Amino acid sequence: MPREEVSGGSGGATAMPAEAPAHAAPEAQRPDDLLRDQRTRRLVPIDNLKAVLVAWVIAGHAFLGYAAMGGWPYDEVAETTLPKTLELLLEIVIGPTALFVIGTFFFLSGLLAPHSLAQHGPGGFVRQRLLRLGLPWLLFTLLIWPLVMWVAHRAAGDPLPIWQALQARQPFLDSGPLWFVQILLYVSLAHALLSWIVQRHDFHPRVALTLVTAALAIAAASFIIRLWFPARSQQVLDLHVWQWPQCMGLYVLGVLFASENWAQNVPRRAARRGGIAVLLAIAFGAGVLAILGVSDFKRDDGPFLGGWHWQALALDVVEATLVVGGSVWLLAWAQRWLTSRAVRLTRLARSAYLAYLLQVPVLISLEIAGRLVPWPAAVKAVVVAAFAVAGSFGLAWSLTHRARGDRSQ
């Protein structure tokens, strides 16, 4: 999501004739340059896809703040909770996407990282990542997130001392929704180091074999890691170690396909197979839950989260299939349908990273304000979600627009 990660192209070979781009319908056929904003050379479909995913995450957090299953820390002080039937619906709708949305961000970052490395060099690439990833994460960890959660607790009548908001957070040094930003920073720094040590060689991966191998490797690594760090476990700095195989695997997958020009054209066959894999994974996961009679995943999730359980392996396979197939399919979908270069829409899309950061004060403020209204949790969640998405993107657009105006003077 960081702004610099949507600039520039991937470079490398074009799509092979035998595997036409996923957006190669007659009305969508056009030179690759038309997928870019000619003023900034940004890849419009990727900008727009990131904006859609950020909006989905913000809306999901709004609902999870009122859910007993958790997922957004406002549930620590929520004044009301969603009905169980609605929570079950949320698990069905949000659950699968929660397994691959973050992985998709890593996939997109990996696709565009080689161009940025070539353009800025390893040193410039590292400085750029430290500024745009490291600095926001550090500010959120030490200041913004503890302060926001302190305000939320005080609004709920909990006399939490401000120093405890930092010291007593679980996990210690929690950064809220920016946990994955620090992981992306570590992966990016490792990528820069490797590019400096190892001379680059042209590599053209076989699509089907590479995708299947990536899914199998992510599933196997996740199963092994979760023997010691079960899913949803907490570590200092909120490292999400249990999710590292997915994050690193998708970044590497993006880097591998950067030379194949996937940032602009995902082969149609790969997109179709990715979509089929997603459907099969969801069907398999639903079948397992139905056979076991699981109706409350939070209550019965123990064997799925890690350890020597076949349920844990099943979840790892489903997750790996979803994140690999889903990321490829989503990118192809964006390249076909999210191609609008309308000025207002593109400006909003470019502010997606800042909107993601601003969701923290915007969303918590709206939830605190909602305490004054005696509405059911479902109504509050819908209203808060709508205003949080609009408010986060609106404020982000305003700040970036003003910054551009100041620079142009």
Protein backbone atom coordinates (compact mmCIF):
# COMPACT_ATOMS: atom_id res chain seq x y z
CA MET A 1 0.00 0.00 0.00
CA PRO A 2 2.77 2.54 0.46
CA ARG A 3 2.60 5.21 -2.20
CA GLU A 4 5.96 4.48 -3.72
CA GLU A 5 4.99 0.89 -4.35
CA VAL A 6 2.44 1.79 -6.98
CA SER A 7 4.74 3.88 -9.11
CA GLY A 8 6.61 2.69 -12.12
CA GLY A 9 6.38 -0.51 -14.11
CA SER A 10 7.65 -3.97 -13.59
CA GLY A 11 9.74 -4.12 -16.71
CA GLY A 12 10.68 -7.32 -18.47
CA ALA A 13 9.00 -9.51 -21.04
CA THR A 14 5.47 -9.10 -22.24
CA ALA A 15 2.80 -11.76 -21.84
CA MET A 16 3.31 -14.85 -23.98
CA PRO A 17 1.03 -15.06 -27.03
CA ALA A 18 -0.34 -18.41 -25.91
CA GLU A 19 -1.62 -16.89 -22.69
CA ALA A 20 -3.45 -13.69 -23.50
CA PRO A 21 -3.87 -11.02 -20.83
CA ALA A 22 -6.87 -11.45 -18.57
CA HIS A 23 -8.31 -8.12 -19.75
CA ALA A 24 -7.93 -8.88 -23.46
CA ALA A 25 -11.60 -8.57 -24.33
CA PRO A 26 -12.02 -6.68 -27.63
CA GLU A 27 -13.13 -3.50 -25.91
CA ALA A 28 -10.29 -3.74 -23.39
CA GLN A 29 -7.39 -4.35 -25.81
CA ARG A 30 -5.04 -1.38 -25.77
CA PRO A 31 -1.35 -0.59 -25.45
CA ASP A 32 0.15 -1.15 -22.02
CA ASP A 33 0.82 2.56 -21.64
CA LEU A 34 -2.92 3.23 -21.55
CA LEU A 35 -3.02 1.34 -18.25
CA ARG A 36 -0.81 4.06 -16.82
CA ASP A 37 -1.56 7.60 -15.82
CA GLN A 38 0.47 9.47 -18.43
CA ARG A 39 1.29 12.32 -16.03
CA THR A 40 2.75 10.18 -13.24
CA ARG A 41 3.42 6.80 -14.93
CA ARG A 42 1.49 5.05 -12.20
CA LEU A 43 -0.23 1.74 -12.87
CA VAL A 44 -3.88 2.68 -12.65
CA PRO A 45 -5.41 -0.80 -12.08
CA ILE A 46 -3.01 -1.50 -9.20
CA ASP A 47 -3.75 1.89 -7.64
CA ASN A 48 -7.47 1.22 -7.92
CA LEU A 49 -7.19 -2.34 -6.61
CA LYS A 50 -5.30 -1.17 -3.53
CA ALA A 51 -7.98 1.45 -2.90
CA VAL A 52 -10.72 -1.20 -3.11
CA LEU A 53 -8.85 -3.50 -0.74
CA VAL A 54 -8.19 -0.69 1.74
CA ALA A 55 -11.86 0.28 1.70
CA TRP A 56 -12.79 -3.37 2.31
CA VAL A 57 -10.37 -3.59 5.25
CA ILE A 58 -11.68 -0.37 6.83
CA ALA A 59 -15.30 -1.49 6.50
CA GLY A 60 -14.41 -4.91 7.89
CA HIS A 61 -12.72 -3.33 10.90
CA ALA A 62 -15.84 -1.26 11.54
CA PHE A 63 -17.96 -4.41 11.78
CA LEU A 64 -15.39 -6.35 13.78
CA GLY A 65 -15.32 -3.60 16.38
CA TYR A 66 -18.82 -4.67 17.40
CA ALA A 67 -18.22 -8.41 17.04
CA ALA A 68 -17.50 -10.85 19.84
CA MET A 69 -15.05 -12.72 17.60
CA GLY A 70 -12.79 -9.65 17.60
CA GLY A 71 -10.41 -8.44 14.93
CA TRP A 72 -10.49 -4.72 15.68
CA PRO A 73 -9.50 -3.62 19.22
CA TYR A 74 -12.55 -1.44 19.79
CA ASP A 75 -14.25 -4.70 20.77
CA GLU A 76 -12.36 -4.34 24.09
CA VAL A 77 -14.65 -1.46 25.06
CA ALA A 78 -17.65 -1.87 22.72
CA GLU A 79 -20.95 -0.87 24.27
CA THR A 80 -22.95 -3.38 22.22
CA THR A 81 -22.31 -6.48 20.11
CA LEU A 82 -23.74 -7.89 16.92
CA PRO A 83 -26.33 -10.69 16.98
CA LYS A 84 -24.86 -14.18 16.66
CA THR A 85 -26.55 -14.78 13.31
CA LEU A 86 -24.94 -11.67 11.88
CA GLU A 87 -21.59 -12.67 13.36
CA LEU A 88 -21.86 -16.01 11.59
CA LEU A 89 -22.55 -14.18 8.33
CA LEU A 90 -19.50 -12.00 8.96
CA GLU A 91 -17.34 -15.08 9.46
CA ILE A 92 -18.57 -16.45 6.13
CA VAL A 93 -18.05 -13.18 4.22
CA ILE A 94 -14.99 -11.66 5.89
CA GLY A 95 -13.31 -14.91 6.94
CA PRO A 96 -11.98 -16.05 3.52
CA THR A 97 -10.84 -12.55 2.55
CA ALA A 98 -9.03 -12.17 5.87
CA LEU A 99 -6.84 -15.07 4.78
CA PHE A 100 -5.55 -13.43 1.61
CA VAL A 101 -6.05 -9.62 1.53
CA ILE A 102 -2.76 -8.88 3.32
CA GLY A 103 -1.02 -11.45 1.13
CA THR A 104 -2.31 -9.61 -1.94
CA PHE A 105 -0.64 -6.40 -0.75
CA PHE A 106 2.65 -8.29 -0.46
CA PHE A 107 2.16 -9.79 -3.93
CA LEU A 108 1.62 -6.34 -5.46
CA SER A 109 4.61 -4.93 -3.58
CA GLY A 110 6.80 -7.76 -4.84
CA LEU A 111 5.64 -7.17 -8.41
CA LEU A 112 6.72 -3.53 -8.32
CA ALA A 113 9.80 -3.77 -6.11
CA PRO A 114 12.28 -4.80 -8.86
CA HIS A 115 11.52 -1.67 -10.85
CA SER A 116 11.98 0.50 -7.78
CA LEU A 117 15.27 -1.24 -6.98
CA ALA A 118 16.50 -0.73 -10.52
CA GLN A 119 15.44 2.91 -10.47
CA HIS A 120 16.81 3.92 -7.06
CA GLY A 121 19.47 1.30 -6.38
CA PRO A 122 19.61 -0.76 -3.16
CA GLY A 123 20.62 2.25 -1.04
CA GLY A 124 17.87 4.50 -2.33
CA PHE A 125 15.36 1.67 -2.11
CA VAL A 126 16.25 1.11 1.56
CA ARG A 127 16.00 4.82 2.40
CA GLN A 128 12.64 5.01 0.67
CA ARG A 129 11.27 2.01 2.58
CA LEU A 130 12.58 3.26 5.92
CA LEU A 131 10.89 6.61 5.39
CA ARG A 132 7.55 5.40 4.06
CA LEU A 133 7.22 2.15 5.99
CA GLY A 134 9.49 2.38 9.02
CA LEU A 135 8.62 5.89 10.14
CA PRO A 136 4.80 5.45 10.12
CA TRP A 137 5.12 2.10 11.89
CA LEU A 138 7.36 3.59 14.60
CA LEU A 139 5.02 6.56 15.17
CA PHE A 140 1.99 4.28 15.42
CA THR A 141 3.71 1.85 17.76
CA LEU A 142 5.06 4.40 20.23
CA LEU A 143 2.51 7.20 20.01
CA ILE A 144 -0.58 7.12 17.84
CA TRP A 145 -1.99 3.66 18.54
CA PRO A 146 -1.52 3.77 22.35
CA LEU A 147 -3.01 7.27 22.44
CA VAL A 148 -6.03 6.30 20.37
CA MET A 149 -6.71 3.21 22.49
CA TRP A 150 -6.31 5.30 25.68
CA VAL A 151 -8.97 7.68 24.38
CA ALA A 152 -11.27 4.74 23.55
CA HIS A 153 -10.90 3.28 27.05
CA ARG A 154 -11.49 6.66 28.69
CA ALA A 155 -14.62 7.18 26.58
CA ALA A 156 -15.89 3.82 27.84
CA GLY A 157 -15.39 4.90 31.46
CA ASP A 158 -12.20 2.92 32.00
CA PRO A 159 -9.75 5.14 33.96
CA LEU A 160 -6.72 3.78 32.14
CA PRO A 161 -3.58 5.87 32.83
CA ILE A 162 -2.01 7.03 29.59
CA TRP A 163 1.31 5.32 30.33
CA GLN A 164 -0.53 2.01 30.71
CA ALA A 165 -2.00 2.45 27.25
CA LEU A 166 1.53 1.80 25.98
CA GLN A 167 2.89 -0.48 28.67
CA ALA A 168 -0.12 -2.73 29.17
CA ARG A 169 -1.10 -3.29 25.54
CA GLN A 170 -1.29 -6.94 24.52
CA PRO A 171 0.89 -7.68 22.71
CA PHE A 172 3.54 -5.30 24.03
CA LEU A 173 4.37 -2.53 21.53
CA ASP A 174 1.27 -3.24 19.50
CA SER A 175 1.00 -1.15 16.32
CA GLY A 176 -2.63 -1.92 15.54
CA PRO A 177 -3.40 -2.35 11.82
CA LEU A 178 0.17 -1.41 10.88
CA TRP A 179 1.58 -4.74 12.02
CA PHE A 180 2.05 -5.88 8.43
CA VAL A 181 3.90 -2.67 7.50
CA GLN A 182 6.84 -3.68 9.67
CA ILE A 183 6.86 -7.15 8.08
CA LEU A 184 6.86 -5.57 4.62
CA LEU A 185 9.75 -3.38 5.75
CA TYR A 186 11.79 -6.40 6.86
CA VAL A 187 11.06 -8.27 3.63
CA SER A 188 11.95 -5.21 1.54
CA LEU A 189 15.24 -4.72 3.37
CA ALA A 190 16.12 -8.39 2.84
CA HIS A 191 15.26 -8.02 -0.86
CA ALA A 192 17.55 -5.00 -1.15
CA LEU A 193 20.39 -6.84 0.59
CA LEU A 194 20.05 -9.86 -1.69
CA SER A 195 19.94 -7.68 -4.80
CA TRP A 196 23.16 -6.03 -3.66
CA ILE A 197 24.93 -9.32 -2.89
CA VAL A 198 23.64 -11.51 -5.71
CA GLN A 199 23.94 -10.45 -9.34
CA ARG A 200 20.59 -10.45 -11.07
CA HIS A 201 19.90 -13.17 -13.62
CA ASP A 202 16.97 -13.32 -16.00
CA PHE A 203 14.51 -15.93 -14.82
CA HIS A 204 11.28 -16.85 -16.54
CA PRO A 205 9.15 -19.03 -14.24
CA ARG A 206 6.73 -21.61 -15.56
CA VAL A 207 3.39 -20.19 -14.46
CA ALA A 208 1.44 -23.25 -13.33
CA LEU A 209 4.41 -24.98 -11.71
CA THR A 210 5.47 -21.82 -9.85
CA LEU A 211 1.99 -21.07 -8.51
CA VAL A 212 1.41 -24.64 -7.32
CA THR A 213 4.87 -24.81 -5.76
CA ALA A 214 4.27 -21.49 -3.98
CA ALA A 215 0.96 -22.69 -2.55
CA LEU A 216 2.48 -25.97 -1.34
CA ALA A 217 5.49 -24.21 0.17
CA ILE A 218 3.33 -21.65 1.98
CA ALA A 219 1.06 -24.39 3.35
CA ALA A 220 3.99 -26.51 4.55
CA ALA A 221 5.85 -23.57 6.09
CA SER A 222 2.68 -22.33 7.79
CA PHE A 223 2.05 -25.74 9.32
CA ILE A 224 5.62 -25.93 10.68
CA ILE A 225 5.69 -22.34 11.99
CA ARG A 226 2.32 -22.78 13.70
CA LEU A 227 3.59 -25.71 15.73
CA TRP A 228 5.30 -23.02 17.85
CA PHE A 229 3.33 -19.88 16.90
CA PRO A 230 -0.34 -20.79 16.42
CA ALA A 231 -2.57 -18.59 14.29
CA ARG A 232 -3.81 -15.53 16.20
CA SER A 233 -0.99 -15.88 18.72
CA GLN A 234 0.63 -12.66 19.93
CA GLN A 235 4.29 -11.73 20.04
CA VAL A 236 6.16 -8.62 21.13
CA LEU A 237 5.82 -5.95 18.41
CA ASP A 238 2.74 -7.86 17.19
CA LEU A 239 4.96 -9.69 14.72
CA HIS A 240 2.29 -12.12 13.46
CA VAL A 241 5.02 -14.75 13.02
CA TRP A 242 2.37 -17.30 12.14
CA GLN A 243 1.55 -15.27 9.01
CA TRP A 244 5.13 -14.82 7.78
CA PRO A 245 5.08 -17.74 5.30
CA GLN A 246 2.15 -16.17 3.50
CA CYS A 247 3.61 -12.65 3.50
CA MET A 248 7.11 -13.64 2.40
CA GLY A 249 5.84 -16.21 -0.07
CA LEU A 250 3.58 -13.75 -1.87
CA TYR A 251 6.28 -11.07 -2.00
CA VAL A 252 8.71 -13.55 -3.55
CA LEU A 253 6.00 -14.68 -5.98
CA GLY A 254 5.49 -11.08 -7.05
CA VAL A 255 9.22 -10.59 -7.60
CA LEU A 256 9.38 -13.76 -9.71
CA PHE A 257 6.57 -12.62 -12.01
CA ALA A 258 7.72 -9.00 -12.23
CA SER A 259 9.96 -9.88 -15.20
CA GLU A 260 6.92 -11.41 -16.92
CA ASN A 261 5.12 -8.03 -16.93
CA TRP A 262 2.34 -9.26 -14.64
CA ALA A 263 2.00 -5.79 -13.14
CA GLN A 264 0.34 -4.86 -16.42
CA ASN A 265 -0.89 -8.14 -17.89
CA VAL A 266 -1.77 -11.28 -15.94
CA PRO A 267 -2.16 -14.20 -18.37
CA ARG A 268 -5.79 -15.15 -18.86
CA ARG A 269 -5.15 -18.82 -18.14
CA ALA A 270 -3.41 -18.02 -14.83
CA ALA A 271 -6.28 -15.75 -13.80
CA ARG A 272 -8.89 -18.38 -14.64
CA ARG A 273 -7.03 -21.09 -12.75
CA GLY A 274 -6.58 -18.75 -9.80
CA GLY A 275 -10.32 -18.11 -9.65
CA ILE A 276 -11.08 -21.83 -9.85
CA ALA A 277 -8.58 -22.52 -7.07
CA VAL A 278 -10.30 -19.95 -4.85
CA LEU A 279 -13.70 -21.53 -5.39
CA LEU A 280 -12.35 -25.02 -4.71
CA ALA A 281 -10.58 -23.85 -1.55
CA ILE A 282 -13.73 -22.20 -0.21
CA ALA A 283 -15.81 -25.28 -1.04
CA PHE A 284 -13.26 -27.55 0.64
CA GLY A 285 -13.11 -25.37 3.74
CA ALA A 286 -16.90 -25.17 3.97
CA GLY A 287 -17.11 -28.94 3.56
CA VAL A 288 -14.68 -29.55 6.41
CA LEU A 289 -16.62 -27.23 8.70
CA ALA A 290 -19.91 -28.88 7.72
CA ILE A 291 -18.57 -32.39 8.34
CA LEU A 292 -17.25 -31.37 11.76
CA GLY A 293 -20.47 -29.51 12.58
CA VAL A 294 -18.63 -26.25 13.36
CA SER A 295 -21.11 -23.39 13.69
CA ASP A 296 -19.02 -21.08 15.90
CA PHE A 297 -15.49 -20.95 14.56
CA LYS A 298 -14.16 -18.80 17.39
CA ARG A 299 -15.38 -21.34 19.94
CA ASP A 300 -14.20 -24.42 18.04
CA ASP A 301 -11.12 -23.06 16.28
CA GLY A 302 -8.46 -24.59 18.57
CA PRO A 303 -7.36 -27.54 16.37
CA PHE A 304 -7.33 -25.32 13.26
CA LEU A 305 -4.87 -22.75 14.61
CA GLY A 306 -1.79 -24.94 14.90
CA GLY A 307 -0.23 -28.10 16.26
CA TRP A 308 -0.23 -31.72 15.11
CA HIS A 309 -3.85 -31.66 13.96
CA TRP A 310 -5.20 -32.50 10.52
CA GLN A 311 -7.55 -29.53 10.92
CA ALA A 312 -4.53 -27.22 11.15
CA LEU A 313 -3.08 -28.68 7.96
CA ALA A 314 -6.46 -28.32 6.24
CA LEU A 315 -6.64 -24.63 7.18
CA ASP A 316 -3.06 -24.07 6.00
CA VAL A 317 -3.86 -25.64 2.62
CA VAL A 318 -7.02 -23.57 2.24
CA GLU A 319 -5.20 -20.39 3.24
CA ALA A 320 -2.27 -20.99 0.88
CA THR A 321 -4.60 -21.78 -2.02
CA LEU A 322 -6.73 -18.71 -1.32
CA VAL A 323 -3.81 -16.32 -1.04
CA VAL A 324 -2.01 -17.52 -4.19
CA GLY A 325 -5.09 -18.01 -6.37
CA GLY A 326 -6.93 -15.02 -4.94
CA SER A 327 -4.05 -12.58 -5.42
CA VAL A 328 -3.57 -13.58 -9.05
CA TRP A 329 -7.29 -13.47 -9.78
CA LEU A 330 -7.77 -10.10 -8.06
CA LEU A 331 -4.96 -8.50 -10.03
CA ALA A 332 -6.36 -9.81 -13.31
CA TRP A 333 -9.81 -8.59 -12.34
CA ALA A 334 -8.43 -5.14 -11.59
CA GLN A 335 -6.61 -5.04 -14.94
CA ARG A 336 -9.89 -5.72 -16.70
CA TRP A 337 -12.36 -3.68 -14.68
CA LEU A 338 -10.53 -1.13 -12.50
CA THR A 339 -9.06 0.90 -15.35
CA SER A 340 -10.82 4.24 -14.88
CA ARG A 341 -8.48 7.20 -15.10
CA ALA A 342 -11.04 9.79 -14.04
CA VAL A 343 -9.11 12.51 -12.22
CA ARG A 344 -11.05 12.38 -8.95
CA LEU A 345 -11.01 8.59 -8.78
CA THR A 346 -7.29 8.33 -9.49
CA ARG A 347 -6.51 10.92 -6.84
CA LEU A 348 -8.57 9.01 -4.31
CA ALA A 349 -6.88 5.75 -5.30
CA ARG A 350 -3.42 7.22 -4.87
CA SER A 351 -4.26 8.21 -1.30
CA ALA A 352 -5.08 4.61 -0.30
CA TYR A 353 -2.00 4.16 1.90
CA LEU A 354 -2.66 7.38 3.78
CA ALA A 355 -6.34 6.41 4.08
CA TYR A 356 -5.23 3.12 5.64
CA LEU A 357 -3.20 5.05 8.22
CA LEU A 358 -5.97 7.54 8.90
CA GLN A 359 -8.56 4.83 9.50
CA VAL A 360 -7.22 4.52 13.05
CA PRO A 361 -8.26 7.98 14.35
CA VAL A 362 -11.25 8.21 12.01
CA LEU A 363 -12.72 4.82 12.89
CA ILE A 364 -12.11 5.04 16.64
CA SER A 365 -13.55 8.58 16.72
CA LEU A 366 -16.71 7.43 14.93
CA GLU A 367 -17.09 4.45 17.26
CA ILE A 368 -16.68 6.69 20.30
CA ALA A 369 -19.27 9.11 18.91
CA GLY A 370 -21.59 6.16 18.30
CA ARG A 371 -21.70 5.47 22.02
CA LEU A 372 -24.01 8.46 22.35
CA VAL A 373 -26.62 6.93 20.04
CA PRO A 374 -28.83 4.07 21.34
CA TRP A 375 -28.87 2.18 18.07
CA PRO A 376 -28.51 -1.60 17.61
CA ALA A 377 -24.98 -2.82 16.93
CA ALA A 378 -25.82 -3.78 13.35
CA VAL A 379 -27.01 -0.26 12.51
CA LYS A 380 -23.99 1.30 14.19
CA ALA A 381 -21.64 -0.98 12.29
CA VAL A 382 -23.15 -0.08 8.92
CA VAL A 383 -23.13 3.67 9.62
CA VAL A 384 -19.62 3.64 11.08
CA ALA A 385 -18.30 1.56 8.15
CA ALA A 386 -19.74 3.94 5.55
CA PHE A 387 -18.48 7.08 7.28
CA ALA A 388 -15.11 5.52 8.12
CA VAL A 389 -14.39 4.63 4.48
CA ALA A 390 -15.58 8.01 3.22
CA GLY A 391 -13.86 9.92 6.00
CA SER A 392 -10.52 8.12 5.72
CA PHE A 393 -10.30 8.52 1.95
CA GLY A 394 -11.70 12.04 2.01
CA LEU A 395 -9.21 13.22 4.61
CA ALA A 396 -6.36 11.43 2.85
CA TRP A 397 -7.28 13.02 -0.49
CA SER A 398 -7.51 16.45 1.13
CA LEU A 399 -4.08 16.15 2.72
CA THR A 400 -2.36 14.81 -0.40
CA HIS A 401 -4.09 17.37 -2.63
CA ARG A 402 -2.97 20.18 -0.32
CA ALA A 403 0.58 18.79 -0.23
CA ARG A 404 0.74 18.74 -4.03
CA GLY A 405 -0.60 22.27 -4.13
CA ASP A 406 2.06 23.47 -1.72
CA ARG A 407 4.83 21.86 -3.75
CA SER A 408 3.57 23.42 -6.98
CA GLN A 409 3.74 26.94 -5.55
